[in-house]
C-alpha atoms as a PDB file:
ATOM      1  CA  MET A   1      27.678 -11.530  22.661  1.00  0.00           C
ATOM      2  CA  LYS A   2      26.454 -13.114  26.100  1.00  0.00           C
ATOM      3  CA  ILE A   3      23.253 -12.346  27.683  1.00  0.00           C
ATOM      4  CA  LYS A   4      22.365 -12.874  31.331  1.00  0.00           C
ATOM      5  CA  GLY A   5      19.150 -12.396  33.105  1.00  0.00           C
ATOM      6  CA  SER A   6      16.940 -12.204  30.000  1.00  0.00           C
ATOM      7  CA  LYS A   7      15.507 -15.568  28.613  1.00  0.00           C
ATOM      8  CA  GLU A   8      14.096 -13.837  25.488  1.00  0.00           C
ATOM      9  CA  ASN A   9      17.331 -12.298  24.524  1.00  0.00           C
ATOM     10  CA  GLU A  10      19.394 -15.372  25.282  1.00  0.00           C
ATOM     11  CA  ILE A  11      17.067 -17.491  22.997  1.00  0.00           C
ATOM     12  CA  PHE A  12      17.237 -14.932  20.317  1.00  0.00           C
ATOM     13  CA  TYR A  13      21.050 -14.434  20.111  1.00  0.00           C
ATOM     14  CA  THR A  14      21.580 -18.300  20.480  1.00  0.00           C
ATOM     15  CA  PHE A  15      19.323 -18.754  17.436  1.00  0.00           C
ATOM     16  CA  GLN A  16      21.170 -16.105  15.438  1.00  0.00           C
ATOM     17  CA  GLN A  17      24.575 -17.817  16.261  1.00  0.00           C
ATOM     18  CA  ASP A  18      23.256 -21.311  15.350  1.00  0.00           C
ATOM     19  CA  MET A  19      21.986 -19.710  12.078  1.00  0.00           C
ATOM     20  CA  ASN A  20      25.027 -17.908  11.282  1.00  0.00           C
ATOM     21  CA  LYS A  21      27.042 -21.172  11.703  1.00  0.00           C
ATOM     22  CA  ARG A  22      24.729 -22.896   9.205  1.00  0.00           C
ATOM     23  CA  PHE A  23      24.866 -19.821   6.700  1.00  0.00           C
ATOM     24  CA  ASP A  24      28.573 -19.888   6.902  1.00  0.00           C
ATOM     25  CA  GLU A  25      28.726 -23.529   5.902  1.00  0.00           C
ATOM     26  CA  LEU A  26      26.223 -22.749   2.972  1.00  0.00           C
ATOM     27  CA  ARG A  27      28.312 -19.835   1.699  1.00  0.00           C
ATOM     28  CA  ALA A  28      31.336 -22.085   1.753  1.00  0.00           C
ATOM     29  CA  LEU A  29      29.633 -24.850  -0.228  1.00  0.00           C
ATOM     30  CA  ASN A  30      28.213 -22.331  -2.703  1.00  0.00           C
ATOM     31  CA  ALA A  31      31.785 -20.905  -3.232  1.00  0.00           C
ATOM     32  CA  GLU A  32      33.071 -24.346  -3.802  1.00  0.00           C
ATOM     33  CA  LYS A  33      30.264 -25.199  -6.248  1.00  0.00           C
ATOM     34  CA  LYS A  34      31.049 -21.942  -8.095  1.00  0.00           C
ATOM     35  CA  ALA A  35      34.876 -22.830  -8.274  1.00  0.00           C
ATOM     36  CA  LYS A  36      34.491 -26.589  -8.947  1.00  0.00           C
ATOM     37  CA  GLY A  37      30.882 -27.669  -9.571  1.00  0.00           C
ATOM     38  CA  GLY A  38      29.998 -31.252  -9.324  1.00  0.00           C
ATOM     39  CA  LYS A  39      26.985 -33.315  -8.247  1.00  0.00           C
ATOM     40  CA  GLU A  40      28.505 -34.059  -4.978  1.00  0.00           C
ATOM     41  CA  VAL A  41      28.659 -30.511  -3.728  1.00  0.00           C
ATOM     42  CA  GLU A  42      25.113 -29.752  -5.008  1.00  0.00           C
ATOM     43  CA  ALA A  43      24.084 -32.796  -2.750  1.00  0.00           C
ATOM     44  CA  LYS A  44      25.735 -31.322   0.132  1.00  0.00           C
ATOM     45  CA  ILE A  45      24.011 -27.868  -0.443  1.00  0.00           C
ATOM     46  CA  LYS A  46      20.501 -29.311  -0.780  1.00  0.00           C
ATOM     47  CA  LYS A  47      21.146 -31.491   2.329  1.00  0.00           C
ATOM     48  CA  LEU A  48      22.362 -28.443   4.360  1.00  0.00           C
ATOM     49  CA  GLN A  49      19.235 -26.374   3.041  1.00  0.00           C
ATOM     50  CA  GLU A  50      16.898 -29.098   4.243  1.00  0.00           C
ATOM     51  CA  GLU A  51      18.629 -29.271   7.679  1.00  0.00           C
ATOM     52  CA  LEU A  52      18.368 -25.612   8.042  1.00  0.00           C
ATOM     53  CA  ALA A  53      14.744 -25.589   7.204  1.00  0.00           C
ATOM     54  CA  LEU A  54      14.170 -28.402   9.667  1.00  0.00           C
ATOM     55  CA  PHE A  55      16.088 -26.660  12.372  1.00  0.00           C
ATOM     56  CA  GLN A  56      14.095 -23.536  11.950  1.00  0.00           C
ATOM     57  CA  LYS A  57      10.769 -25.424  12.167  1.00  0.00           C
ATOM     58  CA  ASP A  58      11.961 -27.416  15.107  1.00  0.00           C
ATOM     59  CA  TRP A  59      13.168 -24.256  17.002  1.00  0.00           C
ATOM     60  CA  LEU A  60       9.858 -22.397  16.471  1.00  0.00           C
ATOM     61  CA  VAL A  61       7.925 -25.288  17.992  1.00  0.00           C
ATOM     62  CA  LYS A  62      10.326 -25.572  20.997  1.00  0.00           C
ATOM     63  CA  ASN A  63      10.128 -21.963  21.665  1.00  0.00           C
ATOM     64  CA  HIS A  64       6.646 -21.059  20.427  1.00  0.00           C
ATOM     65  CA  ASP A  65       5.642 -19.393  23.751  1.00  0.00           C
ATOM     66  CA  THR A  66       8.550 -16.639  23.451  1.00  0.00           C
ATOM     67  CA  PHE A  67       8.336 -13.411  21.765  1.00  0.00           C
ATOM     68  CA  ALA A  68      11.740 -14.362  20.051  1.00  0.00           C
ATOM     69  CA  ALA A  69       9.855 -17.081  18.175  1.00  0.00           C
ATOM     70  CA  LYS A  70       7.157 -14.626  17.289  1.00  0.00           C
ATOM     71  CA  LEU A  71       9.930 -12.255  16.049  1.00  0.00           C
ATOM     72  CA  ILE A  72      11.427 -14.865  13.877  1.00  0.00           C
ATOM     73  CA  LYS A  73       8.179 -16.272  12.616  1.00  0.00           C
ATOM     74  CA  ALA A  74       7.039 -12.683  11.724  1.00  0.00           C
ATOM     75  CA  SER A  75      10.154 -12.263   9.374  1.00  0.00           C
ATOM     76  CA  GLN A  76       8.938 -15.371   7.231  1.00  0.00           C
ATOM     77  CA  ASP A  77       6.811 -15.373   4.170  1.00  0.00           C
ATOM     78  CA  PRO A  78       3.911 -18.078   4.221  1.00  0.00           C
ATOM     79  CA  GLU A  79       5.194 -21.357   2.971  1.00  0.00           C
ATOM     80  CA  ILE A  80       3.123 -22.399  -0.235  1.00  0.00           C
ATOM     81  CA  PRO A  81       2.203 -26.054  -0.673  1.00  0.00           C
ATOM     82  CA  PRO A  82       3.050 -27.806  -3.734  1.00  0.00           C
ATOM     83  CA  TYR A  83       0.467 -27.300  -6.590  1.00  0.00           C
ATOM     84  CA  GLY A  84      -0.023 -30.927  -7.275  1.00  0.00           C
ATOM     85  CA  LYS A  85      -1.092 -30.795 -10.832  1.00  0.00           C
ATOM     86  CA  PRO A  86       0.752 -31.204 -14.056  1.00  0.00           C
ATOM     87  CA  LEU A  87       1.650 -27.982 -16.030  1.00  0.00           C
ATOM     88  CA  LEU A  88       0.920 -28.979 -19.604  1.00  0.00           C
ATOM     89  CA  THR A  89      -0.614 -25.762 -21.141  1.00  0.00           C
ATOM     90  CA  LYS A  90      -0.496 -22.223 -20.894  1.00  0.00           C
ATOM     91  CA  ALA A  91      -3.854 -22.339 -19.027  1.00  0.00           C
ATOM     92  CA  ASP A  92      -2.239 -24.836 -16.444  1.00  0.00           C
ATOM     93  CA  SER A  93       0.625 -22.333 -15.805  1.00  0.00           C
ATOM     94  CA  SER A  94      -1.882 -19.455 -15.514  1.00  0.00           C
ATOM     95  CA  ALA A  95      -3.702 -21.536 -12.907  1.00  0.00           C
ATOM     96  CA  PHE A  96      -0.356 -22.334 -11.171  1.00  0.00           C
ATOM     97  CA  TYR A  97       0.468 -18.725 -10.808  1.00  0.00           C
ATOM     98  CA  ASN A  98      -2.950 -17.823  -9.800  1.00  0.00           C
ATOM     99  CA  TYR A  99      -2.961 -20.621  -7.072  1.00  0.00           C
ATOM    100  CA  GLN A 100       0.510 -19.427  -5.769  1.00  0.00           C
ATOM    101  CA  PHE A 101      -0.499 -15.629  -5.561  1.00  0.00           C
ATOM    102  CA  GLY A 102      -3.999 -16.592  -4.029  1.00  0.00           C
ATOM    103  CA  TYR A 103      -2.387 -18.831  -1.253  1.00  0.00           C
ATOM    104  CA  TYR A 104       0.359 -16.350  -0.585  1.00  0.00           C
ATOM    105  CA  LYS A 105      -2.102 -13.450  -0.259  1.00  0.00           C
ATOM    106  CA  SER A 106      -4.665 -15.301   1.794  1.00  0.00           C
ATOM    107  CA  HIS A 107      -1.961 -16.448   4.260  1.00  0.00           C
ATOM    108  CA  PHE A 108       0.097 -13.292   4.279  1.00  0.00           C
ATOM    109  CA  TRP A 109      -0.726 -12.388   7.841  1.00  0.00           C
ATOM    110  CA  ASP A 110      -0.547 -16.010   9.179  1.00  0.00           C
ATOM    111  CA  ASN A 111       2.978 -15.348  10.637  1.00  0.00           C
ATOM    112  CA  ILE A 112       2.531 -12.205  12.599  1.00  0.00           C
ATOM    113  CA  ASP A 113       0.607 -11.901  15.672  1.00  0.00           C
ATOM    114  CA  LEU A 114      -1.473  -8.701  15.108  1.00  0.00           C
ATOM    115  CA  ASN A 115      -2.705  -8.589  18.638  1.00  0.00           C
ATOM    116  CA  ASP A 116       0.750  -8.426  20.337  1.00  0.00           C
ATOM    117  CA  GLU A 117       1.453  -4.753  20.597  1.00  0.00           C
ATOM    118  CA  ARG A 118       5.164  -5.534  20.986  1.00  0.00           C
ATOM    119  CA  MET A 119       5.229  -6.168  17.182  1.00  0.00           C
ATOM    120  CA  MET A 120       5.020  -2.256  16.925  1.00  0.00           C
ATOM    121  CA  LYS A 121       8.528  -2.109  18.095  1.00  0.00           C
ATOM    122  CA  THR A 122       9.785  -4.424  15.422  1.00  0.00           C
ATOM    123  CA  PRO A 123      10.255  -3.497  11.704  1.00  0.00           C
ATOM    124  CA  PHE A 124       7.880  -6.210  10.448  1.00  0.00           C
ATOM    125  CA  LEU A 125       4.478  -4.678  11.090  1.00  0.00           C
ATOM    126  CA  GLN A 126       5.218  -1.633   8.932  1.00  0.00           C
ATOM    127  CA  LYS A 127       6.985  -3.545   6.112  1.00  0.00           C
ATOM    128  CA  LYS A 128       4.162  -6.098   6.016  1.00  0.00           C
ATOM    129  CA  ILE A 129       1.521  -3.437   5.668  1.00  0.00           C
ATOM    130  CA  GLU A 130       3.533  -1.605   2.868  1.00  0.00           C
ATOM    131  CA  ARG A 131       4.172  -4.828   1.121  1.00  0.00           C
ATOM    132  CA  TYR A 132       0.557  -6.087   1.280  1.00  0.00           C
ATOM    133  CA  PHE A 133      -1.105  -2.836   0.281  1.00  0.00           C
ATOM    134  CA  GLU A 134       1.420  -1.697  -2.330  1.00  0.00           C
ATOM    135  CA  ASP A 135       2.187  -5.055  -4.071  1.00  0.00           C
ATOM    136  CA  LEU A 136      -0.700  -7.531  -3.409  1.00  0.00           C
ATOM    137  CA  THR A 137      -3.633  -5.252  -3.471  1.00  0.00           C
ATOM    138  CA  VAL A 138      -5.221  -3.699  -6.595  1.00  0.00           C
ATOM    139  CA  GLN A 139      -4.735   0.166  -6.402  1.00  0.00           C
ATOM    140  CA  THR A 140      -8.347   1.225  -6.546  1.00  0.00           C
ATOM    141  CA  SER A 141     -10.089   2.567  -3.611  1.00  0.00           C
ATOM    142  CA  ASP A 142     -12.708  -0.114  -3.211  1.00  0.00           C
ATOM    143  CA  SER A 143     -10.068  -2.864  -3.033  1.00  0.00           C
ATOM    144  CA  ILE A 144      -7.827  -0.985  -0.634  1.00  0.00           C
ATOM    145  CA  ALA A 145     -10.891  -0.356   1.609  1.00  0.00           C
ATOM    146  CA  MET A 146     -11.928  -4.044   1.334  1.00  0.00           C
ATOM    147  CA  GLU A 147      -8.420  -5.208   2.339  1.00  0.00           C
ATOM    148  CA  ALA A 148      -8.204  -2.684   5.172  1.00  0.00           C
ATOM    149  CA  ASP A 149     -11.497  -4.015   6.543  1.00  0.00           C
ATOM    150  CA  LYS A 150     -10.247  -7.527   6.328  1.00  0.00           C
ATOM    151  CA  LEU A 151      -7.045  -6.720   8.124  1.00  0.00           C
ATOM    152  CA  LEU A 152      -8.547  -4.632  10.863  1.00  0.00           C
ATOM    153  CA  ALA A 153     -11.032  -7.361  11.472  1.00  0.00           C
ATOM    154  CA  LYS A 154      -8.163  -9.627  12.541  1.00  0.00           C
ATOM    155  CA  THR A 155      -6.634  -6.799  14.710  1.00  0.00           C
ATOM    156  CA  LYS A 156      -8.196  -6.207  18.290  1.00  0.00           C
ATOM    157  CA  ALA A 157      -5.155  -4.667  20.153  1.00  0.00           C
ATOM    158  CA  ARG A 158      -5.860  -1.059  20.267  1.00  0.00           C
ATOM    159  CA  ASP A 159      -2.570   0.312  19.700  1.00  0.00           C
ATOM    160  CA  ILE A 160      -1.827  -1.788  16.590  1.00  0.00           C
ATOM    161  CA  ARG A 161      -5.397  -1.042  15.416  1.00  0.00           C
ATOM    162  CA  ARG A 162      -4.679   2.734  15.747  1.00  0.00           C
ATOM    163  CA  TYR A 163      -1.282   2.310  13.932  1.00  0.00           C
ATOM    164  CA  ILE A 164      -2.748   0.474  10.952  1.00  0.00           C
ATOM    165  CA  VAL A 165      -5.639   2.971  10.632  1.00  0.00           C
ATOM    166  CA  TYR A 166      -3.205   5.934  10.851  1.00  0.00           C
ATOM    167  CA  LYS A 167      -0.731   4.229   8.427  1.00  0.00           C
ATOM    168  CA  LEU A 168      -3.209   3.568   5.743  1.00  0.00           C
ATOM    169  CA  ALA A 169      -5.161   6.715   6.148  1.00  0.00           C
ATOM    170  CA  SER A 170      -2.142   8.876   5.768  1.00  0.00           C
ATOM    171  CA  SER A 171      -0.840   7.100   2.800  1.00  0.00           C
ATOM    172  CA  TYR A 172      -4.232   7.515   0.828  1.00  0.00           C
ATOM    173  CA  GLU A 173      -4.958  11.117   2.021  1.00  0.00           C
ATOM    174  CA  THR A 174      -2.174  12.388  -0.465  1.00  0.00           C
ATOM    175  CA  PRO A 175      -1.932   9.169  -2.728  1.00  0.00           C
ATOM    176  CA  LYS A 176       0.682   8.334  -5.358  1.00  0.00           C
ATOM    177  CA  ILE A 177      -1.942   6.999  -7.663  1.00  0.00           C
ATOM    178  CA  VAL A 178      -4.732   9.236  -8.641  1.00  0.00           C
ATOM    179  CA  GLY A 179      -8.243   8.291  -7.569  1.00  0.00           C
ATOM    180  CA  THR A 180      -7.099   6.088  -4.433  1.00  0.00           C
ATOM    181  CA  ASP A 181      -8.074   9.087  -2.022  1.00  0.00           C
ATOM    182  CA  GLY A 182     -11.307   7.167  -1.787  1.00  0.00           C
ATOM    183  CA  ALA A 183      -9.680   4.708   0.443  1.00  0.00           C
ATOM    184  CA  PHE A 184      -8.831   7.639   2.895  1.00  0.00           C
ATOM    185  CA  VAL A 185     -12.420   8.738   3.001  1.00  0.00           C
ATOM    186  CA  HIS A 186     -13.380   5.107   3.875  1.00  0.00           C
ATOM    187  CA  MET A 187     -10.829   4.910   6.569  1.00  0.00           C
ATOM    188  CA  ALA A 188     -11.759   8.309   8.047  1.00  0.00           C
ATOM    189  CA  GLU A 189     -15.633   7.677   8.052  1.00  0.00           C
ATOM    190  CA  LYS A 190     -15.290   4.111   9.408  1.00  0.00           C
ATOM    191  CA  TYR A 191     -12.257   4.135  11.748  1.00  0.00           C
ATOM    192  CA  TYR A 192     -11.880   7.690  12.922  1.00  0.00           C
ATOM    193  CA  ILE A 193     -15.318   9.163  12.761  1.00  0.00           C
ATOM    194  CA  GLY A 194     -16.880   5.695  13.283  1.00  0.00           C
ATOM    195  CA  GLU A 195     -14.661   4.815  16.149  1.00  0.00           C
ATOM    196  CA  PRO A 196     -14.205   8.194  18.046  1.00  0.00           C
ATOM    197  CA  GLU A 197     -13.325   6.466  21.280  1.00  0.00           C
ATOM    198  CA  MET A 198      -9.805   5.680  19.721  1.00  0.00           C
ATOM    199  CA  TRP A 199      -8.837   9.285  19.128  1.00  0.00           C
ATOM    200  CA  ASP A 200      -8.854  12.643  20.581  1.00  0.00           C
ATOM    201  CA  THR A 201     -11.729  15.189  19.835  1.00  0.00           C
ATOM    202  CA  SER A 202      -9.469  17.429  17.454  1.00  0.00           C
ATOM    203  CA  THR A 203      -8.440  14.458  15.495  1.00  0.00           C
ATOM    204  CA  VAL A 204     -12.051  13.227  14.924  1.00  0.00           C
ATOM    205  CA  ARG A 205     -13.118  16.891  14.092  1.00  0.00           C
ATOM    206  CA  ARG A 206     -10.191  17.299  11.482  1.00  0.00           C
ATOM    207  CA  MET A 207     -11.298  14.068   9.829  1.00  0.00           C
ATOM    208  CA  LYS A 208     -14.829  15.268   9.697  1.00  0.00           C
ATOM    209  CA  GLU A 209     -13.630  18.514   7.942  1.00  0.00           C
ATOM    210  CA  ARG A 210     -11.437  16.563   5.622  1.00  0.00           C
ATOM    211  CA  VAL A 211     -14.133  14.183   4.529  1.00  0.00           C
ATOM    212  CA  LYS A 212     -16.508  16.955   3.990  1.00  0.00           C
ATOM    213  CA  VAL A 213     -14.135  18.512   1.369  1.00  0.00           C
ATOM    214  CA  LEU A 214     -12.716  15.495  -0.390  1.00  0.00           C
ATOM    215  CA  LYS A 215     -15.867  13.099  -0.613  1.00  0.00           C
ATOM    216  CA  PRO A 216     -17.939  15.313  -3.125  1.00  0.00           C
ATOM    217  CA  LEU A 217     -14.677  15.321  -5.263  1.00  0.00           C
ATOM    218  CA  LEU A 218     -13.850  11.714  -5.488  1.00  0.00           C
ATOM    219  CA  VAL A 219     -13.627   9.907  -8.762  1.00  0.00           C
ATOM    220  CA  GLY A 220     -17.174   8.768  -9.784  1.00  0.00           C
ATOM    221  CA  LYS A 221     -18.873  11.822  -7.952  1.00  0.00           C
ATOM    222  CA  ARG A 222     -20.533  14.500  -9.736  1.00  0.00           C
ATOM    223  CA  LEU A 223     -18.350  17.604  -9.605  1.00  0.00           C
ATOM    224  CA  PRO A 224     -20.164  20.336  -7.293  1.00  0.00           C
ATOM    225  CA  GLU A 225     -21.340  23.314  -9.238  1.00  0.00           C
ATOM    226  CA  ILE A 226     -18.698  25.868 -10.128  1.00  0.00           C
ATOM    227  CA  TYR A 227     -19.810  29.630 -10.860  1.00  0.00           C
ATOM    228  CA  CYS A 228     -17.169  31.743 -12.829  1.00  0.00           C
ATOM    229  CA  THR A 229     -17.536  34.655 -14.922  1.00  0.00           C
ATOM    230  CA  ASP A 230     -16.233  35.262 -18.595  1.00  0.00           C
ATOM    231  CA  THR A 231     -13.966  38.185 -19.578  1.00  0.00           C
ATOM    232  CA  LEU A 232     -17.117  40.412 -19.902  1.00  0.00           C
ATOM    233  CA  GLY A 233     -18.218  39.662 -16.345  1.00  0.00           C
ATOM    234  CA  ARG A 234     -21.103  37.324 -17.287  1.00  0.00           C
ATOM    235  CA  GLU A 235     -21.754  34.403 -15.029  1.00  0.00           C
ATOM    236  CA  LEU A 236     -20.900  31.041 -16.604  1.00  0.00           C
ATOM    237  CA  PRO A 237     -21.622  28.090 -14.193  1.00  0.00           C
ATOM    238  CA  LEU A 238     -20.104  24.761 -15.018  1.00  0.00           C
ATOM    239  CA  SER A 239     -23.562  23.169 -15.586  1.00  0.00           C
ATOM    240  CA  SER A 240     -24.129  25.576 -18.575  1.00  0.00           C
ATOM    241  CA  VAL A 241     -21.498  23.752 -20.565  1.00  0.00           C
ATOM    242  CA  ILE A 242     -23.196  21.336 -22.853  1.00  0.00           C
ATOM    243  CA  ALA A 243     -20.707  18.605 -24.019  1.00  0.00           C
ATOM    244  CA  ASP A 244     -20.178  14.772 -24.125  1.00  0.00           C
ATOM    245  CA  TYR A 245     -17.035  15.301 -21.906  1.00  0.00           C
ATOM    246  CA  THR A 246     -15.980  18.425 -20.020  1.00  0.00           C
ATOM    247  CA  VAL A 247     -12.465  19.075 -19.040  1.00  0.00           C
ATOM    248  CA  VAL A 248     -12.155  21.500 -15.830  1.00  0.00           C
ATOM    249  CA  PHE A 249      -8.726  23.288 -16.128  1.00  0.00           C
ATOM    250  CA  PHE A 250      -7.864  25.050 -12.776  1.00  0.00           C
ATOM    251  CA  TYR A 251      -4.967  27.366 -13.304  1.00  0.00           C
ATOM    252  CA  ASP A 252      -2.944  30.081 -11.785  1.00  0.00           C
ATOM    253  CA  PRO A 253      -1.789  32.856 -14.052  1.00  0.00           C
ATOM    254  CA  GLU A 254       1.568  33.149 -12.168  1.00  0.00           C
ATOM    255  CA  CYS A 255       2.117  29.336 -12.172  1.00  0.00           C
ATOM    256  CA  GLY A 256       4.836  28.072 -14.268  1.00  0.00           C
ATOM    257  CA  HIS A 257       3.399  24.405 -14.834  1.00  0.00           C
ATOM    258  CA  CYS A 258       0.123  26.143 -15.823  1.00  0.00           C
ATOM    259  CA  ARG A 259       1.840  28.420 -18.317  1.00  0.00           C
ATOM    260  CA  GLU A 260       3.438  25.398 -19.881  1.00  0.00           C
ATOM    261  CA  ALA A 261       0.130  23.204 -19.999  1.00  0.00           C
ATOM    262  CA  ALA A 262      -2.117  25.944 -21.195  1.00  0.00           C
ATOM    263  CA  PRO A 263      -0.774  26.461 -24.774  1.00  0.00           C
ATOM    264  CA  LYS A 264      -0.749  22.696 -25.144  1.00  0.00           C
ATOM    265  CA  LEU A 265      -4.380  22.417 -24.018  1.00  0.00           C
ATOM    266  CA  VAL A 266      -5.260  25.310 -26.581  1.00  0.00           C
ATOM    267  CA  LYS A 267      -3.452  23.498 -29.280  1.00  0.00           C
ATOM    268  CA  MET A 268      -5.393  20.351 -28.570  1.00  0.00           C
ATOM    269  CA  LEU A 269      -8.910  22.250 -28.622  1.00  0.00           C
ATOM    270  CA  PRO A 270      -9.755  21.901 -32.222  1.00  0.00           C
ATOM    271  CA  GLU A 271      -9.555  18.038 -32.081  1.00  0.00           C
ATOM    272  CA  LEU A 272     -11.050  17.950 -28.803  1.00  0.00           C
ATOM    273  CA  LYS A 273     -13.979  19.753 -30.039  1.00  0.00           C
ATOM    274  CA  LYS A 274     -14.458  17.212 -32.945  1.00  0.00           C
ATOM    275  CA  ARG A 275     -14.852  14.450 -30.223  1.00  0.00           C
ATOM    276  CA  GLY A 276     -17.328  16.442 -28.275  1.00  0.00           C
ATOM    277  CA  VAL A 277     -15.037  17.641 -25.555  1.00  0.00           C
ATOM    278  CA  ARG A 278     -15.225  21.306 -24.147  1.00  0.00           C
ATOM    279  CA  ILE A 279     -12.930  22.966 -21.709  1.00  0.00           C
ATOM    280  CA  TYR A 280     -14.078  24.819 -18.490  1.00  0.00           C
ATOM    281  CA  ALA A 281     -11.006  27.010 -17.520  1.00  0.00           C
ATOM    282  CA  ALA A 282     -11.200  28.423 -13.921  1.00  0.00           C
ATOM    283  CA  SER A 283      -8.507  30.876 -12.835  1.00  0.00           C
ATOM    284  CA  MET A 284      -7.446  30.615  -9.029  1.00  0.00           C
ATOM    285  CA  ASP A 285      -6.412  34.190  -9.070  1.00  0.00           C
ATOM    286  CA  ARG A 286      -9.516  36.615  -9.205  1.00  0.00           C
ATOM    287  CA  ASP A 287      -7.331  39.608 -10.335  1.00  0.00           C
ATOM    288  CA  ILE A 288      -8.994  40.290 -13.592  1.00  0.00           C
ATOM    289  CA  THR A 289      -5.940  42.137 -15.056  1.00  0.00           C
ATOM    290  CA  LYS A 290      -3.707  39.224 -14.602  1.00  0.00           C
ATOM    291  CA  TRP A 291      -6.444  36.880 -15.854  1.00  0.00           C
ATOM    292  CA  LYS A 292      -7.108  38.873 -19.011  1.00  0.00           C
ATOM    293  CA  VAL A 293      -3.326  39.085 -19.778  1.00  0.00           C
ATOM    294  CA  TYR A 294      -3.114  35.335 -19.341  1.00  0.00           C
ATOM    295  CA  GLN A 295      -5.950  34.788 -21.683  1.00  0.00           C
END
């Protein structure tokens, strides 16, 4: 490919061509090593790898003021400096791994410009957000919220800021891990409701309504009072159940999963009672006939 009239594309494709030549040489040497082996081939591979790393560093310095350089840099992980201490015991090894993880995480965002909105057109911003929050962050609401605040403190560009808030809020509104929806409430309160100028009024209103529903139901919160009746029509509020632990079982008489789970729960009941556990079963269907048949 040849580019005319675009310095950025010319730089980018020239870099790719140069890198491809070096990678072809490296692949050929690795094939030779696999076929024949030998220290001489290993030395050539090591030398070529060093030249490759040096070429990349020099290229980034030379083209530091271009978006092409930002793009290449964003694709790279932070380079972890040598540990510098001997690994003699298990404690030394543990300290070494902690050092590597700590350095990698604390410098994770060094190579991407969070205030250049062109980054939103690349695959790197989304991938880095997913990697950081799925693999490097403890999956609890407090940890996710803390890391989100740190990331957004670095981000001043409006559209990137909006994207990060949206990406994280939508991920934890219906989370893969139970209990992390607290991160959604944090994002909604601080960055949607707290920064209404970034959003349209309908979005802010929806977030207020969603927070109002979810916040009282978060892990660690006291469950709001529930008022149900028993089969005789007597009111039986949740607070009337006296137990060390109370399991609230919401079910629908016509739900297949509920029909499968309920007998198992009934079977466990005698053992649960011995442990101070009581069950509060609340039917989602208020049709008393269906309810009594299910009972």
